[in-house]
Amino acid sequence: GGQGGGEDGERRGACVWQPLLRRLRSLRETLVSHRDFGARAAAACELSVDVCARAGGWGWGEMLKAMAHLLGEVYPRGGGAFPREAEMHAASAAYFACVAGDAAEFGRALARAQAHAHTHAHACTHGGDGMRAWAARVGA
């Protein structure tokens, strides 16, 4: 047992989210294997990021994988306007700032989010605004 039931509560929380997360991971891996970088892949990865954020600490590793796929492959190769792209860049910046504690990586991620906001007319959201939008979406 944990102090004040914290571990038990976290285990119960994990049980609620894990089946959905497994399905999302499977879908994401299938899309990767088919080299799908379109709206369907973006939606699957974005949902994975949201679910992991809502689920808490045990989901951070999976959240990082989904973010890496989104920011490294789906968005750059998708060739389209993705409405949540600025939001996901901001979420990535927050992840590295809060979880990894790496100031240099945070600076790079934030610069990417701000550069994206300035160079894409369809999403002129600064990193901070994108972070607030994402936090509101996942209930953070």
N, C-alpha and C. Protein backbone atom coordinates (compact mmCIF):
# COMPACT_ATOMS: atom_id res chain seq x y z
N GLY A 1 0.81 -1.20 0.00
CA GLY A 1 0.00 0.00 0.00
C GLY A 1 0.84 1.24 0.00
N GLY A 2 0.27 2.32 -0.48
CA GLY A 2 0.98 3.59 -0.52
C GLY A 2 0.53 4.49 0.60
N GLN A 3 1.12 5.65 0.67
CA GLN A 3 0.74 6.61 1.69
C GLN A 3 -0.60 7.23 1.31
N GLY A 4 -1.56 7.13 2.19
CA GLY A 4 -2.86 7.74 1.97
C GLY A 4 -3.62 7.17 0.78
N GLY A 5 -3.27 5.95 0.35
CA GLY A 5 -3.99 5.33 -0.76
C GLY A 5 -3.61 5.86 -2.13
N GLY A 6 -2.55 6.67 -2.23
CA GLY A 6 -2.15 7.26 -3.51
C GLY A 6 -1.82 6.23 -4.56
N GLU A 7 -1.05 5.20 -4.18
CA GLU A 7 -0.68 4.17 -5.15
C GLU A 7 -1.91 3.39 -5.62
N ASP A 8 -2.82 3.09 -4.69
CA ASP A 8 -4.04 2.38 -5.07
C ASP A 8 -4.86 3.20 -6.05
N GLY A 9 -4.98 4.50 -5.77
CA GLY A 9 -5.72 5.38 -6.67
C GLY A 9 -5.08 5.45 -8.04
N GLU A 10 -3.74 5.49 -8.07
CA GLU A 10 -3.03 5.54 -9.35
C GLU A 10 -3.24 4.23 -10.12
N ARG A 11 -3.23 3.09 -9.40
CA ARG A 11 -3.47 1.79 -10.06
C ARG A 11 -4.87 1.74 -10.64
N ARG A 12 -5.85 2.23 -9.87
CA ARG A 12 -7.23 2.25 -10.38
C ARG A 12 -7.33 3.14 -11.61
N GLY A 13 -6.66 4.30 -11.56
CA GLY A 13 -6.65 5.21 -12.70
C GLY A 13 -6.04 4.56 -13.93
N ALA A 14 -4.94 3.83 -13.73
CA ALA A 14 -4.29 3.16 -14.85
C ALA A 14 -5.22 2.12 -15.45
N CYS A 15 -5.96 1.39 -14.60
CA CYS A 15 -6.88 0.36 -15.11
C CYS A 15 -7.96 0.97 -15.99
N VAL A 16 -8.40 2.17 -15.67
CA VAL A 16 -9.44 2.83 -16.45
C VAL A 16 -8.93 3.19 -17.85
N TRP A 17 -7.69 3.70 -17.93
CA TRP A 17 -7.18 4.23 -19.19
C TRP A 17 -6.42 3.22 -20.04
N GLN A 18 -5.82 2.20 -19.44
CA GLN A 18 -4.93 1.31 -20.18
C GLN A 18 -5.57 0.62 -21.39
N PRO A 19 -6.80 0.09 -21.30
CA PRO A 19 -7.36 -0.56 -22.49
C PRO A 19 -7.49 0.39 -23.69
N LEU A 20 -7.93 1.62 -23.43
CA LEU A 20 -8.04 2.60 -24.51
C LEU A 20 -6.66 2.94 -25.05
N LEU A 21 -5.70 3.12 -24.16
CA LEU A 21 -4.36 3.47 -24.60
C LEU A 21 -3.74 2.36 -25.45
N ARG A 22 -3.98 1.10 -25.07
CA ARG A 22 -3.47 -0.03 -25.87
C ARG A 22 -4.04 0.01 -27.28
N ARG A 23 -5.34 0.29 -27.39
CA ARG A 23 -5.97 0.36 -28.72
C ARG A 23 -5.41 1.53 -29.54
N LEU A 24 -5.21 2.66 -28.88
CA LEU A 24 -4.64 3.82 -29.58
C LEU A 24 -3.21 3.53 -30.03
N ARG A 25 -2.43 2.87 -29.18
CA ARG A 25 -1.05 2.52 -29.55
C ARG A 25 -1.06 1.59 -30.75
N SER A 26 -1.94 0.60 -30.74
CA SER A 26 -2.04 -0.34 -31.86
C SER A 26 -2.41 0.38 -33.15
N LEU A 27 -3.38 1.30 -33.05
CA LEU A 27 -3.78 2.08 -34.22
C LEU A 27 -2.61 2.92 -34.72
N ARG A 28 -1.92 3.59 -33.80
CA ARG A 28 -0.78 4.44 -34.19
C ARG A 28 0.30 3.61 -34.87
N GLU A 29 0.62 2.43 -34.31
CA GLU A 29 1.65 1.58 -34.91
C GLU A 29 1.24 1.07 -36.28
N THR A 30 -0.05 0.78 -36.47
CA THR A 30 -0.55 0.36 -37.79
C THR A 30 -0.39 1.49 -38.80
N LEU A 31 -0.76 2.69 -38.41
CA LEU A 31 -0.64 3.84 -39.31
C LEU A 31 0.82 4.10 -39.67
N VAL A 32 1.73 3.95 -38.70
CA VAL A 32 3.16 4.12 -38.96
C VAL A 32 3.62 3.09 -39.98
N SER A 33 3.22 1.84 -39.78
CA SER A 33 3.66 0.78 -40.70
C SER A 33 3.15 0.99 -42.11
N HIS A 34 2.02 1.67 -42.25
CA HIS A 34 1.47 1.97 -43.58
C HIS A 34 1.94 3.32 -44.11
N ARG A 35 2.84 3.97 -43.37
CA ARG A 35 3.38 5.28 -43.77
C ARG A 35 2.26 6.30 -43.97
N ASP A 36 1.27 6.26 -43.11
CA ASP A 36 0.14 7.18 -43.17
C ASP A 36 0.49 8.43 -42.36
N PHE A 37 0.56 9.57 -43.03
CA PHE A 37 0.89 10.82 -42.36
C PHE A 37 -0.22 11.85 -42.51
N GLY A 38 -1.42 11.40 -42.74
CA GLY A 38 -2.54 12.31 -42.98
C GLY A 38 -3.33 12.63 -41.73
N ALA A 39 -4.55 13.10 -41.97
CA ALA A 39 -5.42 13.55 -40.88
C ALA A 39 -5.76 12.42 -39.91
N ARG A 40 -5.91 11.20 -40.43
CA ARG A 40 -6.24 10.05 -39.57
C ARG A 40 -5.10 9.78 -38.58
N ALA A 41 -3.86 9.82 -39.07
CA ALA A 41 -2.71 9.60 -38.19
C ALA A 41 -2.60 10.72 -37.17
N ALA A 42 -2.82 11.96 -37.62
CA ALA A 42 -2.76 13.10 -36.69
C ALA A 42 -3.80 12.94 -35.59
N ALA A 43 -5.02 12.59 -35.96
CA ALA A 43 -6.09 12.43 -34.96
C ALA A 43 -5.77 11.34 -33.96
N ALA A 44 -5.22 10.21 -34.43
CA ALA A 44 -4.88 9.10 -33.53
C ALA A 44 -3.79 9.51 -32.54
N CYS A 45 -2.77 10.19 -33.03
CA CYS A 45 -1.67 10.62 -32.15
C CYS A 45 -2.12 11.71 -31.19
N GLU A 46 -2.91 12.65 -31.68
CA GLU A 46 -3.41 13.72 -30.81
C GLU A 46 -4.27 13.15 -29.69
N LEU A 47 -5.11 12.19 -30.02
CA LEU A 47 -5.95 11.56 -29.00
C LEU A 47 -5.08 10.81 -27.99
N SER A 48 -4.03 10.14 -28.47
CA SER A 48 -3.11 9.44 -27.56
C SER A 48 -2.47 10.42 -26.59
N VAL A 49 -2.02 11.57 -27.10
CA VAL A 49 -1.41 12.58 -26.24
C VAL A 49 -2.42 13.04 -25.19
N ASP A 50 -3.64 13.31 -25.61
CA ASP A 50 -4.68 13.78 -24.68
C ASP A 50 -4.99 12.74 -23.61
N VAL A 51 -5.14 11.47 -24.02
CA VAL A 51 -5.48 10.40 -23.08
C VAL A 51 -4.36 10.22 -22.07
N CYS A 52 -3.11 10.20 -22.56
CA CYS A 52 -1.97 10.02 -21.65
C CYS A 52 -1.87 11.17 -20.65
N ALA A 53 -2.11 12.39 -21.12
CA ALA A 53 -2.05 13.55 -20.23
C ALA A 53 -3.12 13.46 -19.16
N ARG A 54 -4.30 13.04 -19.55
CA ARG A 54 -5.41 12.93 -18.60
C ARG A 54 -5.18 11.78 -17.62
N ALA A 55 -4.53 10.72 -18.10
CA ALA A 55 -4.32 9.53 -17.27
C ALA A 55 -3.28 9.75 -16.18
N GLY A 56 -2.31 10.61 -16.42
CA GLY A 56 -1.33 10.88 -15.38
C GLY A 56 0.01 10.20 -15.60
N GLY A 57 0.78 10.11 -14.50
CA GLY A 57 2.18 9.72 -14.56
C GLY A 57 2.53 8.46 -15.31
N TRP A 58 1.75 7.40 -15.20
CA TRP A 58 2.12 6.16 -15.86
C TRP A 58 2.03 6.27 -17.38
N GLY A 59 1.37 7.30 -17.89
CA GLY A 59 1.20 7.45 -19.34
C GLY A 59 2.21 8.36 -20.01
N TRP A 60 3.15 8.95 -19.24
CA TRP A 60 4.07 9.92 -19.85
C TRP A 60 4.90 9.32 -20.98
N GLY A 61 5.40 8.11 -20.80
CA GLY A 61 6.24 7.49 -21.84
C GLY A 61 5.50 7.33 -23.15
N GLU A 62 4.26 6.88 -23.07
CA GLU A 62 3.46 6.72 -24.28
C GLU A 62 3.10 8.08 -24.88
N MET A 63 2.88 9.07 -24.02
CA MET A 63 2.60 10.41 -24.52
C MET A 63 3.79 10.93 -25.32
N LEU A 64 5.00 10.69 -24.82
CA LEU A 64 6.20 11.16 -25.52
C LEU A 64 6.33 10.49 -26.89
N LYS A 65 6.01 9.19 -26.97
CA LYS A 65 6.08 8.49 -28.27
C LYS A 65 5.08 9.08 -29.26
N ALA A 66 3.87 9.33 -28.80
CA ALA A 66 2.85 9.90 -29.69
C ALA A 66 3.25 11.31 -30.14
N MET A 67 3.79 12.11 -29.21
CA MET A 67 4.25 13.45 -29.56
C MET A 67 5.39 13.40 -30.58
N ALA A 68 6.33 12.49 -30.35
CA ALA A 68 7.47 12.38 -31.26
C ALA A 68 7.00 12.02 -32.66
N HIS A 69 6.04 11.11 -32.75
CA HIS A 69 5.51 10.71 -34.06
C HIS A 69 4.80 11.88 -34.73
N LEU A 70 4.00 12.60 -33.95
CA LEU A 70 3.29 13.77 -34.48
C LEU A 70 4.23 14.83 -35.00
N LEU A 71 5.15 15.26 -34.13
CA LEU A 71 6.01 16.41 -34.44
C LEU A 71 7.14 16.05 -35.39
N GLY A 72 7.58 14.79 -35.35
CA GLY A 72 8.70 14.38 -36.20
C GLY A 72 8.31 13.85 -37.56
N GLU A 73 7.10 13.29 -37.66
CA GLU A 73 6.71 12.67 -38.93
C GLU A 73 5.37 13.14 -39.48
N VAL A 74 4.32 13.04 -38.68
CA VAL A 74 2.97 13.31 -39.21
C VAL A 74 2.83 14.75 -39.69
N TYR A 75 3.12 15.71 -38.82
CA TYR A 75 2.95 17.11 -39.22
C TYR A 75 3.90 17.51 -40.36
N PRO A 76 5.20 17.20 -40.26
CA PRO A 76 6.10 17.62 -41.34
C PRO A 76 5.80 16.95 -42.68
N ARG A 77 5.35 15.70 -42.66
CA ARG A 77 5.12 14.97 -43.92
C ARG A 77 3.67 14.97 -44.37
N GLY A 78 2.78 15.44 -43.52
CA GLY A 78 1.35 15.37 -43.81
C GLY A 78 0.90 16.27 -44.94
N GLY A 79 1.62 17.34 -45.16
CA GLY A 79 1.31 18.22 -46.28
C GLY A 79 0.01 18.98 -46.16
N GLY A 80 -0.52 19.09 -44.97
CA GLY A 80 -1.79 19.79 -44.82
C GLY A 80 -1.79 20.71 -43.62
N ALA A 81 -2.91 21.37 -43.45
CA ALA A 81 -3.09 22.23 -42.28
C ALA A 81 -3.69 21.39 -41.16
N PHE A 82 -2.98 21.28 -40.06
CA PHE A 82 -3.45 20.51 -38.91
C PHE A 82 -3.87 21.49 -37.83
N PRO A 83 -5.15 21.57 -37.50
CA PRO A 83 -5.65 22.59 -36.56
C PRO A 83 -4.98 22.56 -35.18
N ARG A 84 -4.52 21.39 -34.73
CA ARG A 84 -3.97 21.30 -33.38
C ARG A 84 -2.44 21.30 -33.35
N GLU A 85 -1.80 21.61 -34.47
CA GLU A 85 -0.34 21.52 -34.53
C GLU A 85 0.35 22.46 -33.52
N ALA A 86 -0.07 23.73 -33.48
CA ALA A 86 0.55 24.67 -32.53
C ALA A 86 0.35 24.21 -31.09
N GLU A 87 -0.83 23.67 -30.82
CA GLU A 87 -1.16 23.15 -29.49
C GLU A 87 -0.22 22.00 -29.09
N MET A 88 0.04 21.09 -30.04
CA MET A 88 0.90 19.94 -29.75
C MET A 88 2.36 20.37 -29.58
N HIS A 89 2.81 21.38 -30.35
CA HIS A 89 4.16 21.91 -30.14
C HIS A 89 4.26 22.50 -28.73
N ALA A 90 3.24 23.22 -28.31
CA ALA A 90 3.23 23.81 -26.97
C ALA A 90 3.21 22.73 -25.89
N ALA A 91 2.44 21.67 -26.11
CA ALA A 91 2.39 20.56 -25.15
C ALA A 91 3.75 19.89 -25.04
N SER A 92 4.44 19.75 -26.17
CA SER A 92 5.78 19.16 -26.16
C SER A 92 6.74 20.03 -25.35
N ALA A 93 6.65 21.34 -25.53
CA ALA A 93 7.50 22.26 -24.77
C ALA A 93 7.23 22.10 -23.27
N ALA A 94 5.97 22.00 -22.90
CA ALA A 94 5.61 21.85 -21.49
C ALA A 94 6.11 20.53 -20.94
N TYR A 95 6.02 19.46 -21.74
CA TYR A 95 6.51 18.15 -21.30
C TYR A 95 7.98 18.23 -20.94
N PHE A 96 8.78 18.78 -21.84
CA PHE A 96 10.22 18.83 -21.59
C PHE A 96 10.56 19.77 -20.45
N ALA A 97 9.80 20.83 -20.28
CA ALA A 97 10.05 21.77 -19.19
C ALA A 97 9.73 21.13 -17.84
N CYS A 98 8.60 20.43 -17.76
CA CYS A 98 8.11 19.95 -16.47
C CYS A 98 8.59 18.55 -16.11
N VAL A 99 8.69 17.67 -17.10
CA VAL A 99 9.04 16.28 -16.80
C VAL A 99 10.52 16.04 -16.95
N ALA A 100 11.08 16.45 -18.09
CA ALA A 100 12.50 16.21 -18.32
C ALA A 100 13.36 17.23 -17.59
N GLY A 101 12.82 18.43 -17.37
CA GLY A 101 13.59 19.45 -16.68
C GLY A 101 14.80 19.92 -17.46
N ASP A 102 14.75 19.80 -18.78
CA ASP A 102 15.88 20.14 -19.64
C ASP A 102 15.64 21.52 -20.24
N ALA A 103 16.32 22.53 -19.72
CA ALA A 103 16.06 23.91 -20.15
C ALA A 103 16.40 24.11 -21.62
N ALA A 104 17.46 23.49 -22.10
CA ALA A 104 17.86 23.66 -23.51
C ALA A 104 16.80 23.08 -24.43
N GLU A 105 16.30 21.88 -24.10
CA GLU A 105 15.27 21.26 -24.94
C GLU A 105 13.98 22.06 -24.88
N PHE A 106 13.66 22.58 -23.70
CA PHE A 106 12.47 23.43 -23.58
C PHE A 106 12.59 24.64 -24.50
N GLY A 107 13.75 25.27 -24.51
CA GLY A 107 13.97 26.43 -25.38
C GLY A 107 13.79 26.08 -26.84
N ARG A 108 14.32 24.94 -27.26
CA ARG A 108 14.19 24.51 -28.66
C ARG A 108 12.74 24.22 -29.00
N ALA A 109 12.03 23.52 -28.11
CA ALA A 109 10.63 23.18 -28.38
C ALA A 109 9.77 24.44 -28.43
N LEU A 110 10.01 25.36 -27.52
CA LEU A 110 9.24 26.60 -27.51
C LEU A 110 9.53 27.42 -28.77
N ALA A 111 10.80 27.46 -29.18
CA ALA A 111 11.16 28.19 -30.41
C ALA A 111 10.45 27.58 -31.62
N ARG A 112 10.37 26.23 -31.66
CA ARG A 112 9.65 25.57 -32.77
C ARG A 112 8.18 25.97 -32.75
N ALA A 113 7.58 25.99 -31.56
CA ALA A 113 6.16 26.35 -31.46
C ALA A 113 5.94 27.79 -31.91
N GLN A 114 6.83 28.68 -31.50
CA GLN A 114 6.68 30.08 -31.88
C GLN A 114 6.95 30.29 -33.36
N ALA A 115 7.96 29.59 -33.91
CA ALA A 115 8.26 29.70 -35.34
C ALA A 115 7.07 29.20 -36.14
N HIS A 116 6.48 28.09 -35.69
CA HIS A 116 5.30 27.56 -36.38
C HIS A 116 4.19 28.59 -36.37
N ALA A 117 3.99 29.22 -35.23
CA ALA A 117 2.91 30.20 -35.10
C ALA A 117 3.12 31.39 -36.03
N HIS A 118 4.36 31.80 -36.19
CA HIS A 118 4.64 32.97 -37.02
C HIS A 118 4.63 32.65 -38.51
N THR A 119 4.92 31.41 -38.89
CA THR A 119 5.06 31.10 -40.31
C THR A 119 3.85 30.43 -40.93
N HIS A 120 2.87 30.06 -40.13
CA HIS A 120 1.68 29.39 -40.66
C HIS A 120 0.45 30.24 -40.36
N ALA A 121 -0.10 30.82 -41.40
CA ALA A 121 -1.24 31.73 -41.22
C ALA A 121 -2.45 31.04 -40.62
N HIS A 122 -2.59 29.71 -40.85
CA HIS A 122 -3.78 29.00 -40.36
C HIS A 122 -3.73 28.76 -38.86
N ALA A 123 -2.57 28.95 -38.24
CA ALA A 123 -2.46 28.70 -36.80
C ALA A 123 -1.53 29.72 -36.17
N CYS A 124 -1.96 30.96 -36.12
CA CYS A 124 -1.09 32.01 -35.59
C CYS A 124 -1.24 32.10 -34.08
N THR A 125 -0.98 30.97 -33.42
CA THR A 125 -1.09 30.88 -31.97
C THR A 125 0.31 30.81 -31.37
N HIS A 126 0.62 31.70 -30.46
CA HIS A 126 1.92 31.65 -29.79
C HIS A 126 1.95 30.46 -28.85
N GLY A 127 3.18 30.02 -28.51
CA GLY A 127 3.34 28.84 -27.68
C GLY A 127 2.50 28.87 -26.41
N GLY A 128 2.47 30.01 -25.71
CA GLY A 128 1.71 30.10 -24.47
C GLY A 128 0.23 29.93 -24.69
N ASP A 129 -0.30 30.54 -25.74
CA ASP A 129 -1.72 30.40 -26.04
C ASP A 129 -2.05 28.96 -26.42
N GLY A 130 -1.17 28.33 -27.20
CA GLY A 130 -1.37 26.94 -27.57
C GLY A 130 -1.37 26.03 -26.36
N MET A 131 -0.46 26.32 -25.41
CA MET A 131 -0.39 25.52 -24.19
C MET A 131 -1.67 25.66 -23.40
N ARG A 132 -2.20 26.88 -23.31
CA ARG A 132 -3.46 27.08 -22.57
C ARG A 132 -4.60 26.33 -23.25
N ALA A 133 -4.62 26.35 -24.59
CA ALA A 133 -5.68 25.64 -25.32
C ALA A 133 -5.59 24.15 -25.05
N TRP A 134 -4.37 23.60 -25.08
CA TRP A 134 -4.21 22.17 -24.86
C TRP A 134 -4.55 21.81 -23.42
N ALA A 135 -4.09 22.61 -22.47
CA ALA A 135 -4.38 22.33 -21.05
C ALA A 135 -5.88 22.34 -20.80
N ALA A 136 -6.58 23.28 -21.43
CA ALA A 136 -8.03 23.33 -21.27
C ALA A 136 -8.68 22.09 -21.86
N ARG A 137 -8.16 21.62 -22.99
CA ARG A 137 -8.74 20.45 -23.67
C ARG A 137 -8.60 19.19 -22.82
N VAL A 138 -7.43 19.00 -22.19
CA VAL A 138 -7.21 17.77 -21.43
C VAL A 138 -7.57 17.93 -19.95
N GLY A 139 -8.01 19.10 -19.57
CA GLY A 139 -8.43 19.31 -18.18
C GLY A 139 -7.27 19.45 -17.22
N ALA A 140 -6.11 19.90 -17.75
CA ALA A 140 -4.92 20.05 -16.90
C ALA A 140 -5.03 21.30 -16.06
